[in-house]
Amino acid sequence: DKPVLNLGVSGNTSTNLLERMEHELKVRKAGVLIVGVGVNDAGIENGKQRTSPEGFRENLEKILEISQKFTLEIFFIGISEVNEKFSTPVNWTENLYYYNKELKKYDAIIEKFCQEKNIIFIPMQGLLSNEEIPDGLHPNADGHEKIFQRVKAYLEENKII
């Protein structure tokens, strides 16, 4: 039996994850690690990308390096689209924008990284409808269920669960 923990923090970028990742993995004795990162990195805040594509790629390298100290069962999930009607800008701040065009670039970085490192990449593009992203960025219960079912299918296919 392997516990499933969601260690995501709303608003975190890959840089924020790196700041806390090693400690959290050590404390929790990770068995299977599913990394979902990139949406916040791709955001445009005050006219500037929150994390450059090059910086994001470097962070993926560091995330993998830290992860491999604790487990070899590492998966990366892709980035799903946003509902641009509500994400340009998001309704909780006027200086933060999320565009599908940018998210697709970061999703492609994750996918290419996984191919190069021979790590399973679980795609999320095209999975959610705008109705399942009511605030523009965060999936509702139906959206989370779809994500869960896709991840579960990949874990079953790879005999992890």
C-alpha atoms as a PDB file:
ATOM      1  CA  ASP A   1       0.000   0.000   0.000  1.00  0.00           C
ATOM      2  CA  LYS A   2       1.393   3.339  -1.086  1.00  0.00           C
ATOM      3  CA  PRO A   3      -0.202   6.481   0.315  1.00  0.00           C
ATOM      4  CA  VAL A   4      -1.231   9.169  -2.145  1.00  0.00           C
ATOM      5  CA  LEU A   5      -0.532  12.701  -1.024  1.00  0.00           C
ATOM      6  CA  ASN A   6      -1.192  15.934  -2.864  1.00  0.00           C
ATOM      7  CA  LEU A   7       1.642  18.279  -1.985  1.00  0.00           C
ATOM      8  CA  GLY A   8       0.615  20.951  -4.456  1.00  0.00           C
ATOM      9  CA  VAL A   9       0.413  24.505  -3.220  1.00  0.00           C
ATOM     10  CA  SER A  10      -1.812  26.912  -5.102  1.00  0.00           C
ATOM     11  CA  GLY A  11       0.209  29.533  -6.932  1.00  0.00           C
ATOM     12  CA  ASN A  12       3.529  27.677  -6.668  1.00  0.00           C
ATOM     13  CA  THR A  13       5.979  27.667  -9.539  1.00  0.00           C
ATOM     14  CA  SER A  14       8.624  25.016 -10.157  1.00  0.00           C
ATOM     15  CA  THR A  15      11.063  27.239  -8.239  1.00  0.00           C
ATOM     16  CA  ASN A  16       8.757  27.225  -5.207  1.00  0.00           C
ATOM     17  CA  LEU A  17       8.468  23.430  -5.440  1.00  0.00           C
ATOM     18  CA  LEU A  18      12.241  23.067  -5.480  1.00  0.00           C
ATOM     19  CA  GLU A  19      12.531  25.097  -2.275  1.00  0.00           C
ATOM     20  CA  ARG A  20      10.482  22.576  -0.289  1.00  0.00           C
ATOM     21  CA  MET A  21      10.652  19.365  -2.290  1.00  0.00           C
ATOM     22  CA  GLU A  22      13.607  17.535  -0.777  1.00  0.00           C
ATOM     23  CA  HIS A  23      12.424  18.061   2.791  1.00  0.00           C
ATOM     24  CA  GLU A  24       8.873  16.947   1.978  1.00  0.00           C
ATOM     25  CA  LEU A  25      10.027  13.817   0.151  1.00  0.00           C
ATOM     26  CA  LYS A  26      12.398  12.890   2.971  1.00  0.00           C
ATOM     27  CA  VAL A  27       9.719  13.276   5.639  1.00  0.00           C
ATOM     28  CA  ARG A  28       7.076  11.382   3.677  1.00  0.00           C
ATOM     29  CA  LYS A  29       9.273   8.585   2.292  1.00  0.00           C
ATOM     30  CA  ALA A  30       7.967   8.862  -1.264  1.00  0.00           C
ATOM     31  CA  GLY A  31       7.207   5.648  -3.137  1.00  0.00           C
ATOM     32  CA  VAL A  32       5.557   6.910  -6.306  1.00  0.00           C
ATOM     33  CA  LEU A  33       5.928  10.513  -7.345  1.00  0.00           C
ATOM     34  CA  ILE A  34       3.581  12.243  -9.767  1.00  0.00           C
ATOM     35  CA  VAL A  35       4.894  15.696 -10.621  1.00  0.00           C
ATOM     36  CA  GLY A  36       2.441  18.254 -11.934  1.00  0.00           C
ATOM     37  CA  VAL A  37       4.088  21.615 -12.419  1.00  0.00           C
ATOM     38  CA  GLY A  38       4.257  24.340 -15.031  1.00  0.00           C
ATOM     39  CA  VAL A  39       0.966  26.220 -15.114  1.00  0.00           C
ATOM     40  CA  ASN A  40       2.138  28.938 -12.743  1.00  0.00           C
ATOM     41  CA  ASP A  41       5.548  29.066 -14.424  1.00  0.00           C
ATOM     42  CA  ALA A  42       3.856  29.899 -17.737  1.00  0.00           C
ATOM     43  CA  GLY A  43       1.779  32.715 -16.262  1.00  0.00           C
ATOM     44  CA  ILE A  44       2.449  36.279 -17.366  1.00  0.00           C
ATOM     45  CA  GLU A  45       2.714  38.537 -14.315  1.00  0.00           C
ATOM     46  CA  ASN A  46       3.192  42.276 -14.688  1.00  0.00           C
ATOM     47  CA  GLY A  47       4.021  41.720 -18.365  1.00  0.00           C
ATOM     48  CA  LYS A  48       6.732  39.118 -17.700  1.00  0.00           C
ATOM     49  CA  GLN A  49       6.808  35.316 -17.765  1.00  0.00           C
ATOM     50  CA  ARG A  50       6.966  34.028 -14.175  1.00  0.00           C
ATOM     51  CA  THR A  51       9.636  31.455 -15.132  1.00  0.00           C
ATOM     52  CA  SER A  52      11.490  31.577 -18.433  1.00  0.00           C
ATOM     53  CA  PRO A  53      11.272  28.457 -20.622  1.00  0.00           C
ATOM     54  CA  GLU A  54      15.004  27.891 -20.057  1.00  0.00           C
ATOM     55  CA  GLY A  55      14.644  28.313 -16.296  1.00  0.00           C
ATOM     56  CA  PHE A  56      11.674  25.944 -16.312  1.00  0.00           C
ATOM     57  CA  ARG A  57      13.675  23.277 -18.151  1.00  0.00           C
ATOM     58  CA  GLU A  58      16.515  23.675 -15.599  1.00  0.00           C
ATOM     59  CA  ASN A  59      14.002  23.319 -12.768  1.00  0.00           C
ATOM     60  CA  LEU A  60      12.669  20.083 -14.281  1.00  0.00           C
ATOM     61  CA  GLU A  61      16.233  18.722 -14.228  1.00  0.00           C
ATOM     62  CA  LYS A  62      16.596  19.642 -10.550  1.00  0.00           C
ATOM     63  CA  ILE A  63      13.161  18.222  -9.686  1.00  0.00           C
ATOM     64  CA  LEU A  64      14.115  14.915 -11.288  1.00  0.00           C
ATOM     65  CA  GLU A  65      17.510  14.869  -9.580  1.00  0.00           C
ATOM     66  CA  ILE A  66      15.942  15.381  -6.149  1.00  0.00           C
ATOM     67  CA  SER A  67      13.137  12.905  -6.870  1.00  0.00           C
ATOM     68  CA  GLN A  68      15.552  10.139  -7.849  1.00  0.00           C
ATOM     69  CA  LYS A  69      17.136  10.274  -4.391  1.00  0.00           C
ATOM     70  CA  PHE A  70      13.864   8.920  -3.009  1.00  0.00           C
ATOM     71  CA  THR A  71      12.165   6.862  -5.719  1.00  0.00           C
ATOM     72  CA  LEU A  72      12.571   5.665  -9.284  1.00  0.00           C
ATOM     73  CA  GLU A  73       8.801   5.621  -9.842  1.00  0.00           C
ATOM     74  CA  ILE A  74       8.430   9.157 -11.156  1.00  0.00           C
ATOM     75  CA  PHE A  75       5.772  10.414 -13.528  1.00  0.00           C
ATOM     76  CA  PHE A  76       5.144  13.880 -14.916  1.00  0.00           C
ATOM     77  CA  ILE A  77       1.686  15.080 -15.834  1.00  0.00           C
ATOM     78  CA  GLY A  78       1.127  17.567 -18.587  1.00  0.00           C
ATOM     79  CA  ILE A  79      -0.606  20.909 -18.413  1.00  0.00           C
ATOM     80  CA  SER A  80      -4.280  21.231 -19.285  1.00  0.00           C
ATOM     81  CA  GLU A  81      -5.750  24.252 -21.000  1.00  0.00           C
ATOM     82  CA  VAL A  82      -7.274  27.199 -19.170  1.00  0.00           C
ATOM     83  CA  ASN A  83     -10.514  29.020 -19.873  1.00  0.00           C
ATOM     84  CA  GLU A  84      -9.092  32.250 -21.289  1.00  0.00           C
ATOM     85  CA  LYS A  85     -12.420  34.014 -20.789  1.00  0.00           C
ATOM     86  CA  PHE A  86     -11.542  34.058 -17.079  1.00  0.00           C
ATOM     87  CA  SER A  87      -7.732  33.766 -17.148  1.00  0.00           C
ATOM     88  CA  THR A  88      -6.791  36.897 -19.114  1.00  0.00           C
ATOM     89  CA  PRO A  89      -6.512  38.270 -16.464  1.00  0.00           C
ATOM     90  CA  VAL A  90      -7.523  35.976 -13.633  1.00  0.00           C
ATOM     91  CA  ASN A  91     -10.265  37.447 -11.475  1.00  0.00           C
ATOM     92  CA  TRP A  92      -8.229  37.557  -8.242  1.00  0.00           C
ATOM     93  CA  THR A  93      -5.559  39.952  -9.557  1.00  0.00           C
ATOM     94  CA  GLU A  94      -5.379  42.247 -12.547  1.00  0.00           C
ATOM     95  CA  ASN A  95      -1.704  41.630 -13.306  1.00  0.00           C
ATOM     96  CA  LEU A  96      -1.693  37.864 -13.893  1.00  0.00           C
ATOM     97  CA  TYR A  97      -2.593  36.273 -17.233  1.00  0.00           C
ATOM     98  CA  TYR A  98      -2.675  32.664 -18.419  1.00  0.00           C
ATOM     99  CA  TYR A  99      -2.797  31.954 -22.158  1.00  0.00           C
ATOM    100  CA  ASN A 100      -3.230  28.516 -23.702  1.00  0.00           C
ATOM    101  CA  LYS A 101      -0.530  29.322 -26.263  1.00  0.00           C
ATOM    102  CA  GLU A 102       2.006  29.779 -23.447  1.00  0.00           C
ATOM    103  CA  LEU A 103       0.775  26.738 -21.522  1.00  0.00           C
ATOM    104  CA  LYS A 104       1.253  24.576 -24.611  1.00  0.00           C
ATOM    105  CA  LYS A 105       4.895  25.711 -24.857  1.00  0.00           C
ATOM    106  CA  TYR A 106       5.542  24.656 -21.269  1.00  0.00           C
ATOM    107  CA  ASP A 107       3.626  21.412 -21.759  1.00  0.00           C
ATOM    108  CA  ALA A 108       5.879  20.656 -24.743  1.00  0.00           C
ATOM    109  CA  ILE A 109       8.949  21.324 -22.572  1.00  0.00           C
ATOM    110  CA  ILE A 110       7.716  18.754 -20.027  1.00  0.00           C
ATOM    111  CA  GLU A 111       6.889  16.192 -22.706  1.00  0.00           C
ATOM    112  CA  LYS A 112      10.263  16.571 -24.443  1.00  0.00           C
ATOM    113  CA  PHE A 113      12.070  16.395 -21.092  1.00  0.00           C
ATOM    114  CA  CYS A 114      10.262  13.143 -20.260  1.00  0.00           C
ATOM    115  CA  GLN A 115      11.094  11.648 -23.650  1.00  0.00           C
ATOM    116  CA  GLU A 116      14.778  12.510 -23.199  1.00  0.00           C
ATOM    117  CA  LYS A 117      14.863  11.062 -19.671  1.00  0.00           C
ATOM    118  CA  ASN A 118      12.690   8.034 -20.501  1.00  0.00           C
ATOM    119  CA  ILE A 119      10.078   9.055 -17.924  1.00  0.00           C
ATOM    120  CA  ILE A 120       6.367   8.531 -18.348  1.00  0.00           C
ATOM    121  CA  PHE A 121       4.525  11.689 -19.375  1.00  0.00           C
ATOM    122  CA  ILE A 122       0.781  11.757 -18.783  1.00  0.00           C
ATOM    123  CA  PRO A 123      -0.801  14.246 -21.205  1.00  0.00           C
ATOM    124  CA  MET A 124      -3.611  16.540 -20.110  1.00  0.00           C
ATOM    125  CA  GLN A 125      -4.122  18.696 -23.216  1.00  0.00           C
ATOM    126  CA  GLY A 126      -7.678  18.464 -24.526  1.00  0.00           C
ATOM    127  CA  LEU A 127      -8.966  16.716 -21.418  1.00  0.00           C
ATOM    128  CA  LEU A 128     -11.040  19.457 -19.769  1.00  0.00           C
ATOM    129  CA  SER A 129     -13.888  21.577 -21.104  1.00  0.00           C
ATOM    130  CA  ASN A 130     -14.284  25.267 -20.269  1.00  0.00           C
ATOM    131  CA  GLU A 131     -17.240  24.321 -18.046  1.00  0.00           C
ATOM    132  CA  GLU A 132     -14.870  22.225 -15.925  1.00  0.00           C
ATOM    133  CA  ILE A 133     -12.611  25.266 -15.355  1.00  0.00           C
ATOM    134  CA  PRO A 134     -15.122  27.760 -13.916  1.00  0.00           C
ATOM    135  CA  ASP A 135     -12.622  30.313 -12.576  1.00  0.00           C
ATOM    136  CA  GLY A 136     -10.490  30.046 -15.706  1.00  0.00           C
ATOM    137  CA  LEU A 137      -7.641  28.155 -14.098  1.00  0.00           C
ATOM    138  CA  HIS A 138      -8.699  25.557 -11.523  1.00  0.00           C
ATOM    139  CA  PRO A 139     -10.698  22.441 -12.402  1.00  0.00           C
ATOM    140  CA  ASN A 140     -13.989  21.810 -10.633  1.00  0.00           C
ATOM    141  CA  ALA A 141     -14.867  18.399  -9.145  1.00  0.00           C
ATOM    142  CA  ASP A 142     -15.705  16.934 -12.580  1.00  0.00           C
ATOM    143  CA  GLY A 143     -12.409  18.194 -13.973  1.00  0.00           C
ATOM    144  CA  HIS A 144     -10.445  16.743 -11.080  1.00  0.00           C
ATOM    145  CA  GLU A 145     -12.228  13.420 -11.565  1.00  0.00           C
ATOM    146  CA  LYS A 146     -11.158  13.353 -15.234  1.00  0.00           C
ATOM    147  CA  ILE A 147      -7.555  14.115 -14.277  1.00  0.00           C
ATOM    148  CA  PHE A 148      -7.653  11.405 -11.597  1.00  0.00           C
ATOM    149  CA  GLN A 149      -9.045   8.820 -14.036  1.00  0.00           C
ATOM    150  CA  ARG A 150      -6.351   9.589 -16.608  1.00  0.00           C
ATOM    151  CA  VAL A 151      -3.534   9.376 -14.054  1.00  0.00           C
ATOM    152  CA  LYS A 152      -5.011   6.185 -12.577  1.00  0.00           C
ATOM    153  CA  ALA A 153      -5.157   4.580 -16.036  1.00  0.00           C
ATOM    154  CA  TYR A 154      -1.461   5.334 -16.612  1.00  0.00           C
ATOM    155  CA  LEU A 155      -0.512   3.954 -13.204  1.00  0.00           C
ATOM    156  CA  GLU A 156      -2.533   0.780 -13.881  1.00  0.00           C
ATOM    157  CA  GLU A 157      -0.993   0.399 -17.363  1.00  0.00           C
ATOM    158  CA  ASN A 158       2.455   0.618 -15.816  1.00  0.00           C
ATOM    159  CA  LYS A 159       1.566  -1.813 -13.021  1.00  0.00           C
ATOM    160  CA  ILE A 160       2.171   0.766 -10.296  1.00  0.00           C
ATOM    161  CA  ILE A 161      -1.288   0.188  -8.820  1.00  0.00           C
END
